[in-house]
Amino acid sequence: MNIRMQYDSAIWVRIGGPLNVEGARILITRDSIKVTNRLEGR
């Protein structure tokens, strides 16, 4: 899991598995949460 934060703006969360395979990305802002499922292409 990799977490990046931008002060007063956004939080990015990257969830990965073995061999650096990316599973999902999550963008959290003050008014929304966006999830991208990288395994299913959504």
PDB file of N, CA and C in Angstrom:
ATOM      1  N   MET A   1       0.846  -1.163   0.000  1.00  0.00           N
ATOM      2  CA  MET A   1       0.000   0.000   0.000  1.00  0.00           C
ATOM      3  C   MET A   1       0.895   1.231   0.000  1.00  0.00           C
ATOM      4  N   ASN A   2       0.555   2.180  -0.835  1.00  0.00           N
ATOM      5  CA  ASN A   2       1.290   3.437  -0.940  1.00  0.00           C
ATOM      6  C   ASN A   2       0.297   4.572  -0.725  1.00  0.00           C
ATOM      7  N   ILE A   3       0.596   5.486   0.183  1.00  0.00           N
ATOM      8  CA  ILE A   3      -0.296   6.598   0.484  1.00  0.00           C
ATOM      9  C   ILE A   3       0.446   7.900   0.236  1.00  0.00           C
ATOM     10  N   ARG A   4      -0.173   8.789  -0.548  1.00  0.00           N
ATOM     11  CA  ARG A   4       0.385  10.119  -0.783  1.00  0.00           C
ATOM     12  C   ARG A   4      -0.667  11.140  -0.367  1.00  0.00           C
ATOM     13  N   MET A   5      -0.228  12.187   0.295  1.00  0.00           N
ATOM     14  CA  MET A   5      -1.163  13.200   0.760  1.00  0.00           C
ATOM     15  C   MET A   5      -0.694  14.581   0.308  1.00  0.00           C
ATOM     16  N   GLN A   6      -1.657  15.367  -0.152  1.00  0.00           N
ATOM     17  CA  GLN A   6      -1.384  16.751  -0.497  1.00  0.00           C
ATOM     18  C   GLN A   6      -2.147  17.612   0.508  1.00  0.00           C
ATOM     19  N   TYR A   7      -1.466  18.465   1.220  1.00  0.00           N
ATOM     20  CA  TYR A   7      -2.044  19.232   2.323  1.00  0.00           C
ATOM     21  C   TYR A   7      -3.300  19.980   1.889  1.00  0.00           C
ATOM     22  N   ASP A   8      -4.396  19.785   2.611  1.00  0.00           N
ATOM     23  CA  ASP A   8      -5.695  20.429   2.377  1.00  0.00           C
ATOM     24  C   ASP A   8      -6.270  20.182   0.994  1.00  0.00           C
ATOM     25  N   SER A   9      -5.897  19.086   0.343  1.00  0.00           N
ATOM     26  CA  SER A   9      -6.412  18.872  -1.003  1.00  0.00           C
ATOM     27  C   SER A   9      -6.880  17.437  -1.235  1.00  0.00           C
ATOM     28  N   ALA A  10      -5.951  16.488  -1.225  1.00  0.00           N
ATOM     29  CA  ALA A  10      -6.314  15.132  -1.617  1.00  0.00           C
ATOM     30  C   ALA A  10      -5.429  14.093  -0.944  1.00  0.00           C
ATOM     31  N   ILE A  11      -5.949  12.852  -0.911  1.00  0.00           N
ATOM     32  CA  ILE A  11      -5.204  11.693  -0.441  1.00  0.00           C
ATOM     33  C   ILE A  11      -5.303  10.628  -1.522  1.00  0.00           C
ATOM     34  N   TRP A  12      -4.157  10.159  -2.005  1.00  0.00           N
ATOM     35  CA  TRP A  12      -4.088   9.073  -2.981  1.00  0.00           C
ATOM     36  C   TRP A  12      -3.662   7.805  -2.255  1.00  0.00           C
ATOM     37  N   VAL A  13      -4.383   6.710  -2.492  1.00  0.00           N
ATOM     38  CA  VAL A  13      -4.021   5.415  -1.924  1.00  0.00           C
ATOM     39  C   VAL A  13      -3.857   4.437  -3.083  1.00  0.00           C
ATOM     40  N   ARG A  14      -2.722   3.781  -3.147  1.00  0.00           N
ATOM     41  CA  ARG A  14      -2.460   2.769  -4.172  1.00  0.00           C
ATOM     42  C   ARG A  14      -2.307   1.435  -3.467  1.00  0.00           C
ATOM     43  N   ILE A  15      -3.107   0.460  -3.878  1.00  0.00           N
ATOM     44  CA  ILE A  15      -3.057  -0.865  -3.264  1.00  0.00           C
ATOM     45  C   ILE A  15      -2.465  -1.833  -4.281  1.00  0.00           C
ATOM     46  N   GLY A  16      -1.382  -2.472  -3.898  1.00  0.00           N
ATOM     47  CA  GLY A  16      -0.697  -3.384  -4.800  1.00  0.00           C
ATOM     48  C   GLY A  16      -0.449  -4.727  -4.158  1.00  0.00           C
ATOM     49  N   GLY A  17      -0.135  -5.684  -4.987  1.00  0.00           N
ATOM     50  CA  GLY A  17       0.124  -7.025  -4.510  1.00  0.00           C
ATOM     51  C   GLY A  17       1.559  -7.424  -4.768  1.00  0.00           C
ATOM     52  N   PRO A  18       1.822  -8.722  -4.754  1.00  0.00           N
ATOM     53  CA  PRO A  18       3.181  -9.195  -5.002  1.00  0.00           C
ATOM     54  C   PRO A  18       3.630  -8.880  -6.429  1.00  0.00           C
ATOM     55  N   LEU A  19       4.905  -8.754  -6.606  1.00  0.00           N
ATOM     56  CA  LEU A  19       5.524  -8.435  -7.898  1.00  0.00           C
ATOM     57  C   LEU A  19       5.059  -7.097  -8.449  1.00  0.00           C
ATOM     58  N   ASN A  20       4.682  -6.188  -7.544  1.00  0.00           N
ATOM     59  CA  ASN A  20       4.279  -4.825  -7.898  1.00  0.00           C
ATOM     60  C   ASN A  20       3.063  -4.780  -8.823  1.00  0.00           C
ATOM     61  N   VAL A  21       2.128  -5.708  -8.674  1.00  0.00           N
ATOM     62  CA  VAL A  21       0.887  -5.714  -9.437  1.00  0.00           C
ATOM     63  C   VAL A  21      -0.086  -4.767  -8.748  1.00  0.00           C
ATOM     64  N   GLU A  22      -0.570  -3.792  -9.490  1.00  0.00           N
ATOM     65  CA  GLU A  22      -1.458  -2.793  -8.904  1.00  0.00           C
ATOM     66  C   GLU A  22      -2.895  -3.310  -8.893  1.00  0.00           C
ATOM     67  N   GLY A  23      -3.548  -3.235  -7.731  1.00  0.00           N
ATOM     68  CA  GLY A  23      -4.903  -3.736  -7.594  1.00  0.00           C
ATOM     69  C   GLY A  23      -5.955  -2.651  -7.687  1.00  0.00           C
ATOM     70  N   ALA A  24      -5.723  -1.522  -7.026  1.00  0.00           N
ATOM     71  CA  ALA A  24      -6.708  -0.444  -7.019  1.00  0.00           C
ATOM     72  C   ALA A  24      -6.038   0.878  -6.680  1.00  0.00           C
ATOM     73  N   ARG A  25      -6.704   1.942  -7.080  1.00  0.00           N
ATOM     74  CA  ARG A  25      -6.304   3.287  -6.698  1.00  0.00           C
ATOM     75  C   ARG A  25      -7.522   3.973  -6.105  1.00  0.00           C
ATOM     76  N   ILE A  26      -7.290   4.758  -5.067  1.00  0.00           N
ATOM     77  CA  ILE A  26      -8.372   5.481  -4.407  1.00  0.00           C
ATOM     78  C   ILE A  26      -7.938   6.932  -4.266  1.00  0.00           C
ATOM     79  N   LEU A  27      -8.809   7.847  -4.688  1.00  0.00           N
ATOM     80  CA  LEU A  27      -8.577   9.277  -4.537  1.00  0.00           C
ATOM     81  C   LEU A  27      -9.635   9.817  -3.594  1.00  0.00           C
ATOM     82  N   ILE A  28      -9.195  10.380  -2.482  1.00  0.00           N
ATOM     83  CA  ILE A  28     -10.104  10.920  -1.482  1.00  0.00           C
ATOM     84  C   ILE A  28      -9.901  12.434  -1.428  1.00  0.00           C
ATOM     85  N   THR A  29     -10.980  13.180  -1.672  1.00  0.00           N
ATOM     86  CA  THR A  29     -10.954  14.631  -1.551  1.00  0.00           C
ATOM     87  C   THR A  29     -11.990  15.038  -0.507  1.00  0.00           C
ATOM     88  N   ARG A  30     -12.142  16.329  -0.300  1.00  0.00           N
ATOM     89  CA  ARG A  30     -13.086  16.797   0.707  1.00  0.00           C
ATOM     90  C   ARG A  30     -14.526  16.414   0.383  1.00  0.00           C
ATOM     91  N   ASP A  31     -14.874  16.335  -0.886  1.00  0.00           N
ATOM     92  CA  ASP A  31     -16.264  16.098  -1.255  1.00  0.00           C
ATOM     93  C   ASP A  31     -16.517  14.805  -2.026  1.00  0.00           C
ATOM     94  N   SER A  32     -15.495  13.985  -2.243  1.00  0.00           N
ATOM     95  CA  SER A  32     -15.729  12.760  -3.006  1.00  0.00           C
ATOM     96  C   SER A  32     -14.680  11.691  -2.700  1.00  0.00           C
ATOM     97  N   ILE A  33     -15.038  10.469  -3.066  1.00  0.00           N
ATOM     98  CA  ILE A  33     -14.133   9.318  -3.017  1.00  0.00           C
ATOM     99  C   ILE A  33     -14.244   8.618  -4.361  1.00  0.00           C
ATOM    100  N   LYS A  34     -13.129   8.451  -5.059  1.00  0.00           N
ATOM    101  CA  LYS A  34     -13.122   7.794  -6.361  1.00  0.00           C
ATOM    102  C   LYS A  34     -12.245   6.548  -6.268  1.00  0.00           C
ATOM    103  N   VAL A  35     -12.773   5.425  -6.744  1.00  0.00           N
ATOM    104  CA  VAL A  35     -12.060   4.152  -6.704  1.00  0.00           C
ATOM    105  C   VAL A  35     -11.879   3.651  -8.133  1.00  0.00           C
ATOM    106  N   THR A  36     -10.657   3.257  -8.465  1.00  0.00           N
ATOM    107  CA  THR A  36     -10.365   2.660  -9.761  1.00  0.00           C
ATOM    108  C   THR A  36      -9.853   1.249  -9.529  1.00  0.00           C
ATOM    109  N   ASN A  37     -10.575   0.259 -10.029  1.00  0.00           N
ATOM    110  CA  ASN A  37     -10.177  -1.135  -9.916  1.00  0.00           C
ATOM    111  C   ASN A  37      -9.290  -1.469 -11.105  1.00  0.00           C
ATOM    112  N   ARG A  38      -7.994  -1.586 -10.878  1.00  0.00           N
ATOM    113  CA  ARG A  38      -7.039  -1.804 -11.966  1.00  0.00           C
ATOM    114  C   ARG A  38      -7.022  -3.259 -12.448  1.00  0.00           C
ATOM    115  N   LEU A  39      -7.491  -4.190 -11.646  1.00  0.00           N
ATOM    116  CA  LEU A  39      -7.498  -5.587 -12.063  1.00  0.00           C
ATOM    117  C   LEU A  39      -8.606  -5.871 -13.074  1.00  0.00           C
ATOM    118  N   GLU A  40      -9.753  -5.199 -12.923  1.00  0.00           N
ATOM    119  CA  GLU A  40     -10.870  -5.405 -13.836  1.00  0.00           C
ATOM    120  C   GLU A  40     -10.968  -4.328 -14.908  1.00  0.00           C
ATOM    121  N   GLY A  41     -10.083  -3.353 -14.875  1.00  0.00           N
ATOM    122  CA  GLY A  41     -10.079  -2.311 -15.885  1.00  0.00           C
ATOM    123  C   GLY A  41     -11.181  -1.287 -15.725  1.00  0.00           C
ATOM    124  N   ARG A  42     -11.666  -1.066 -14.502  1.00  0.00           N
ATOM    125  CA  ARG A  42     -12.736  -0.090 -14.281  1.00  0.00           C
ATOM    126  C   ARG A  42     -12.215   1.085 -13.513  1.00  0.00           C
TER     127      ARG A  42
END
